[in-house]
N, C-alpha and C. Protein backbone atom coordinates (compact mmCIF):
# COMPACT_ATOMS: atom_id res chain seq x y z
N UNK A 1 0.82 -1.19 0.00
CA UNK A 1 0.00 0.00 0.00
C UNK A 1 0.86 1.26 0.00
N UNK A 2 1.89 1.26 0.85
CA UNK A 2 2.74 2.45 0.95
C UNK A 2 3.47 2.72 -0.36
N UNK A 3 3.84 1.65 -1.07
CA UNK A 3 4.55 1.83 -2.33
C UNK A 3 3.66 2.49 -3.38
N UNK A 4 2.36 2.18 -3.34
CA UNK A 4 1.44 2.72 -4.33
C UNK A 4 0.92 4.10 -3.92
N UNK A 5 0.47 4.23 -2.66
CA UNK A 5 -0.18 5.47 -2.22
C UNK A 5 0.73 6.39 -1.42
N UNK A 6 1.90 5.94 -1.03
CA UNK A 6 2.82 6.78 -0.28
C UNK A 6 2.27 7.13 1.09
N UNK A 7 2.40 8.38 1.48
CA UNK A 7 1.95 8.81 2.81
C UNK A 7 0.43 8.88 2.92
N UNK A 8 -0.29 8.80 1.81
CA UNK A 8 -1.75 8.89 1.84
C UNK A 8 -2.43 7.53 1.98
N UNK A 9 -1.66 6.47 2.02
CA UNK A 9 -2.23 5.13 2.16
C UNK A 9 -2.68 4.85 3.58
N UNK A 10 -3.60 3.90 3.71
CA UNK A 10 -4.10 3.50 5.02
C UNK A 10 -3.11 2.57 5.70
N UNK A 11 -3.09 2.62 7.02
CA UNK A 11 -2.25 1.68 7.76
C UNK A 11 -2.94 0.31 7.76
N UNK A 12 -2.19 -0.71 8.12
CA UNK A 12 -2.70 -2.08 8.07
C UNK A 12 -3.94 -2.26 8.94
N UNK A 13 -3.96 -1.67 10.13
CA UNK A 13 -5.11 -1.84 11.03
C UNK A 13 -6.38 -1.22 10.43
N UNK A 14 -6.25 -0.09 9.74
CA UNK A 14 -7.42 0.52 9.09
C UNK A 14 -7.94 -0.35 7.96
N UNK A 15 -7.04 -0.97 7.22
CA UNK A 15 -7.45 -1.87 6.14
C UNK A 15 -8.20 -3.07 6.71
N UNK A 16 -7.71 -3.62 7.82
CA UNK A 16 -8.37 -4.77 8.45
C UNK A 16 -9.77 -4.40 8.91
N UNK A 17 -9.92 -3.23 9.54
CA UNK A 17 -11.23 -2.80 10.03
C UNK A 17 -12.19 -2.59 8.87
N UNK A 18 -11.74 -1.94 7.82
CA UNK A 18 -12.62 -1.68 6.66
C UNK A 18 -12.99 -2.98 5.95
N UNK A 19 -12.07 -3.92 5.87
CA UNK A 19 -12.36 -5.22 5.25
C UNK A 19 -13.43 -5.94 6.06
N UNK A 20 -13.30 -5.91 7.38
CA UNK A 20 -14.27 -6.56 8.26
C UNK A 20 -15.66 -5.95 8.06
N UNK A 21 -15.73 -4.63 8.00
CA UNK A 21 -17.03 -3.96 7.78
C UNK A 21 -17.62 -4.36 6.44
N UNK A 22 -16.80 -4.43 5.41
CA UNK A 22 -17.28 -4.80 4.08
C UNK A 22 -17.81 -6.23 4.09
N UNK A 23 -17.10 -7.14 4.75
CA UNK A 23 -17.55 -8.53 4.81
C UNK A 23 -18.83 -8.69 5.61
N UNK A 24 -19.09 -7.76 6.55
CA UNK A 24 -20.32 -7.80 7.33
C UNK A 24 -21.51 -7.21 6.57
N UNK A 25 -21.27 -6.71 5.37
CA UNK A 25 -22.35 -6.22 4.54
C UNK A 25 -22.46 -4.71 4.46
N UNK A 26 -21.58 -4.00 5.11
CA UNK A 26 -21.61 -2.55 5.03
C UNK A 26 -20.94 -2.12 3.73
N UNK A 27 -21.70 -1.46 2.88
CA UNK A 27 -21.13 -1.05 1.60
C UNK A 27 -20.42 0.30 1.69
N UNK A 28 -20.90 1.16 2.57
CA UNK A 28 -20.24 2.44 2.74
C UNK A 28 -19.08 2.27 3.71
N UNK A 29 -17.92 2.58 3.28
CA UNK A 29 -16.74 2.40 4.11
C UNK A 29 -16.28 3.73 4.70
N UNK A 30 -17.25 4.54 5.12
CA UNK A 30 -16.93 5.82 5.73
C UNK A 30 -16.66 5.64 7.22
N UNK A 31 -15.99 6.60 7.80
CA UNK A 31 -15.74 6.58 9.23
C UNK A 31 -17.04 6.81 9.99
N UNK A 32 -17.09 6.33 11.22
CA UNK A 32 -18.24 6.57 12.08
C UNK A 32 -18.31 8.05 12.43
N UNK A 33 -19.51 8.53 12.67
CA UNK A 33 -19.69 9.92 13.08
C UNK A 33 -19.10 10.11 14.48
N UNK A 34 -18.53 11.26 14.71
CA UNK A 34 -18.00 11.57 16.03
C UNK A 34 -18.23 13.05 16.32
N UNK A 35 -18.20 13.37 17.59
CA UNK A 35 -18.44 14.75 17.99
C UNK A 35 -17.18 15.58 17.79
N UNK A 36 -17.40 16.83 17.44
CA UNK A 36 -16.29 17.75 17.24
C UNK A 36 -16.52 19.00 18.08
N UNK A 37 -15.48 19.76 18.25
CA UNK A 37 -15.59 21.03 18.96
C UNK A 37 -15.86 22.11 17.92
N UNK A 38 -17.03 22.73 18.01
CA UNK A 38 -17.39 23.78 17.07
C UNK A 38 -16.97 25.13 17.64
N UNK A 39 -16.76 26.11 16.77
CA UNK A 39 -16.37 27.44 17.25
C UNK A 39 -17.41 28.08 18.17
N UNK A 40 -18.67 27.66 18.08
CA UNK A 40 -19.72 28.22 18.93
C UNK A 40 -19.62 27.71 20.37
N UNK A 41 -19.06 26.53 20.56
CA UNK A 41 -18.98 25.94 21.90
C UNK A 41 -17.98 26.68 22.80
N UNK A 42 -16.89 27.13 22.24
CA UNK A 42 -15.81 27.70 23.03
C UNK A 42 -16.25 28.96 23.79
N UNK A 43 -16.91 29.94 23.13
CA UNK A 43 -17.36 31.12 23.90
C UNK A 43 -18.43 30.79 24.95
N UNK A 44 -19.25 29.78 24.69
CA UNK A 44 -20.27 29.38 25.66
C UNK A 44 -19.61 28.84 26.93
N UNK A 45 -18.62 27.98 26.76
CA UNK A 45 -17.90 27.44 27.92
C UNK A 45 -17.17 28.56 28.64
N UNK A 46 -16.55 29.45 27.88
CA UNK A 46 -15.81 30.57 28.47
C UNK A 46 -16.73 31.45 29.31
N UNK A 47 -17.91 31.77 28.79
CA UNK A 47 -18.82 32.64 29.54
C UNK A 47 -19.32 31.96 30.82
N UNK A 48 -19.58 30.64 30.76
CA UNK A 48 -20.01 29.94 31.96
C UNK A 48 -18.93 29.94 33.04
N UNK A 49 -17.70 29.77 32.63
CA UNK A 49 -16.60 29.76 33.60
C UNK A 49 -16.37 31.16 34.17
N UNK A 50 -16.44 32.17 33.33
CA UNK A 50 -16.22 33.53 33.82
C UNK A 50 -17.36 34.01 34.71
N UNK A 51 -18.58 33.51 34.47
CA UNK A 51 -19.71 33.86 35.33
C UNK A 51 -19.55 33.26 36.72
N UNK A 52 -19.07 32.03 36.79
CA UNK A 52 -18.88 31.36 38.07
C UNK A 52 -17.58 30.57 38.00
N UNK A 53 -16.54 31.09 38.53
CA UNK A 53 -15.23 30.45 38.44
C UNK A 53 -15.13 29.16 39.24
N UNK A 54 -16.10 28.89 40.10
CA UNK A 54 -16.09 27.66 40.89
C UNK A 54 -16.91 26.55 40.24
N UNK A 55 -17.34 26.76 39.02
CA UNK A 55 -18.13 25.75 38.32
C UNK A 55 -17.25 24.56 37.96
N UNK A 56 -17.88 23.44 37.69
CA UNK A 56 -17.14 22.21 37.38
C UNK A 56 -17.36 21.80 35.94
N UNK A 57 -16.48 20.93 35.46
CA UNK A 57 -16.62 20.38 34.12
C UNK A 57 -17.95 19.63 34.01
N UNK A 58 -18.31 18.91 35.05
CA UNK A 58 -19.55 18.14 35.05
C UNK A 58 -20.76 19.05 34.89
N UNK A 59 -20.77 20.15 35.61
CA UNK A 59 -21.89 21.09 35.53
C UNK A 59 -21.98 21.72 34.14
N UNK A 60 -20.85 22.10 33.58
CA UNK A 60 -20.84 22.74 32.26
C UNK A 60 -21.32 21.76 31.20
N UNK A 61 -20.86 20.52 31.25
CA UNK A 61 -21.26 19.57 30.21
C UNK A 61 -22.75 19.26 30.31
N UNK A 62 -23.32 19.27 31.51
CA UNK A 62 -24.77 19.05 31.65
C UNK A 62 -25.56 20.26 31.16
N UNK A 63 -25.07 21.46 31.42
CA UNK A 63 -25.77 22.67 30.98
C UNK A 63 -25.77 22.83 29.46
N UNK A 64 -24.65 22.53 28.84
CA UNK A 64 -24.52 22.73 27.39
C UNK A 64 -24.90 21.51 26.57
N UNK A 65 -25.01 20.35 27.22
CA UNK A 65 -25.38 19.14 26.49
C UNK A 65 -24.26 18.58 25.64
N UNK A 66 -23.02 18.82 26.03
CA UNK A 66 -21.88 18.24 25.31
C UNK A 66 -21.19 17.25 26.24
N UNK A 67 -20.43 16.34 25.65
CA UNK A 67 -19.83 15.29 26.47
C UNK A 67 -18.73 15.87 27.36
N UNK A 68 -18.48 15.18 28.45
CA UNK A 68 -17.55 15.67 29.47
C UNK A 68 -16.13 15.82 28.93
N UNK A 69 -15.69 14.90 28.09
CA UNK A 69 -14.34 14.98 27.53
C UNK A 69 -14.17 16.19 26.63
N UNK A 70 -15.21 16.52 25.86
CA UNK A 70 -15.16 17.70 25.01
C UNK A 70 -15.06 18.97 25.85
N UNK A 71 -15.84 19.02 26.92
CA UNK A 71 -15.80 20.16 27.83
C UNK A 71 -14.41 20.32 28.43
N UNK A 72 -13.83 19.21 28.85
CA UNK A 72 -12.48 19.23 29.43
C UNK A 72 -11.46 19.73 28.41
N UNK A 73 -11.56 19.26 27.18
CA UNK A 73 -10.63 19.68 26.13
C UNK A 73 -10.75 21.17 25.85
N UNK A 74 -11.98 21.68 25.78
CA UNK A 74 -12.18 23.11 25.54
C UNK A 74 -11.55 23.92 26.66
N UNK A 75 -11.80 23.51 27.90
CA UNK A 75 -11.30 24.29 29.03
C UNK A 75 -9.77 24.27 29.12
N UNK A 76 -9.16 23.14 28.86
CA UNK A 76 -7.71 23.03 29.07
C UNK A 76 -6.88 23.34 27.83
N UNK A 77 -7.36 22.99 26.65
CA UNK A 77 -6.55 23.19 25.45
C UNK A 77 -6.91 24.47 24.70
N UNK A 78 -8.19 24.81 24.65
CA UNK A 78 -8.59 25.99 23.88
C UNK A 78 -8.59 27.26 24.72
N UNK A 79 -9.03 27.16 25.97
CA UNK A 79 -9.12 28.34 26.83
C UNK A 79 -7.96 28.45 27.81
N UNK A 80 -7.14 27.42 27.89
CA UNK A 80 -5.97 27.38 28.78
C UNK A 80 -6.34 27.61 30.25
N UNK A 81 -7.50 27.10 30.65
CA UNK A 81 -7.88 27.15 32.06
C UNK A 81 -7.24 25.98 32.78
N UNK A 82 -6.81 26.23 34.01
CA UNK A 82 -6.22 25.18 34.82
C UNK A 82 -6.86 25.19 36.19
N UNK A 83 -6.88 24.05 36.81
CA UNK A 83 -7.43 23.96 38.15
C UNK A 83 -6.43 24.56 39.14
N UNK A 84 -6.93 25.46 39.96
CA UNK A 84 -6.10 26.07 40.98
C UNK A 84 -6.76 25.79 42.32
N UNK A 85 -5.99 25.27 43.24
CA UNK A 85 -6.51 24.92 44.56
C UNK A 85 -6.19 26.05 45.54
N UNK A 86 -7.23 26.67 46.06
CA UNK A 86 -7.05 27.75 47.03
C UNK A 86 -7.39 27.22 48.41
N UNK A 87 -6.45 27.30 49.33
CA UNK A 87 -6.71 26.80 50.68
C UNK A 87 -6.52 27.88 51.70
C-alpha cells in the first residue's frame, strides 16, 4: 500500500477494520460519526466559567449538552484554564 499510495495510504489496522465492515455487509466504508468542537462551543464554555469560576466540568457539560471529555478539552486546550486549589 505504501509503495502505491505513499503517505496517503491506510495503515494495516485501518485496512483490516474496513475489510471486516465490508464482509459484514456494510457497503459504505466511511468513518463513524464523532463529535467535534465547534467554534460556537468555546465562547459558551468561556462565559459559563467567567460567570462562576467555581463551576465544574460536570456542571458545564450538563448545561450545554456536550460530552464531558469535550468540555475538558475546551477548558484546558482551547481556553488554557487550569485547576487552581485555594486553601
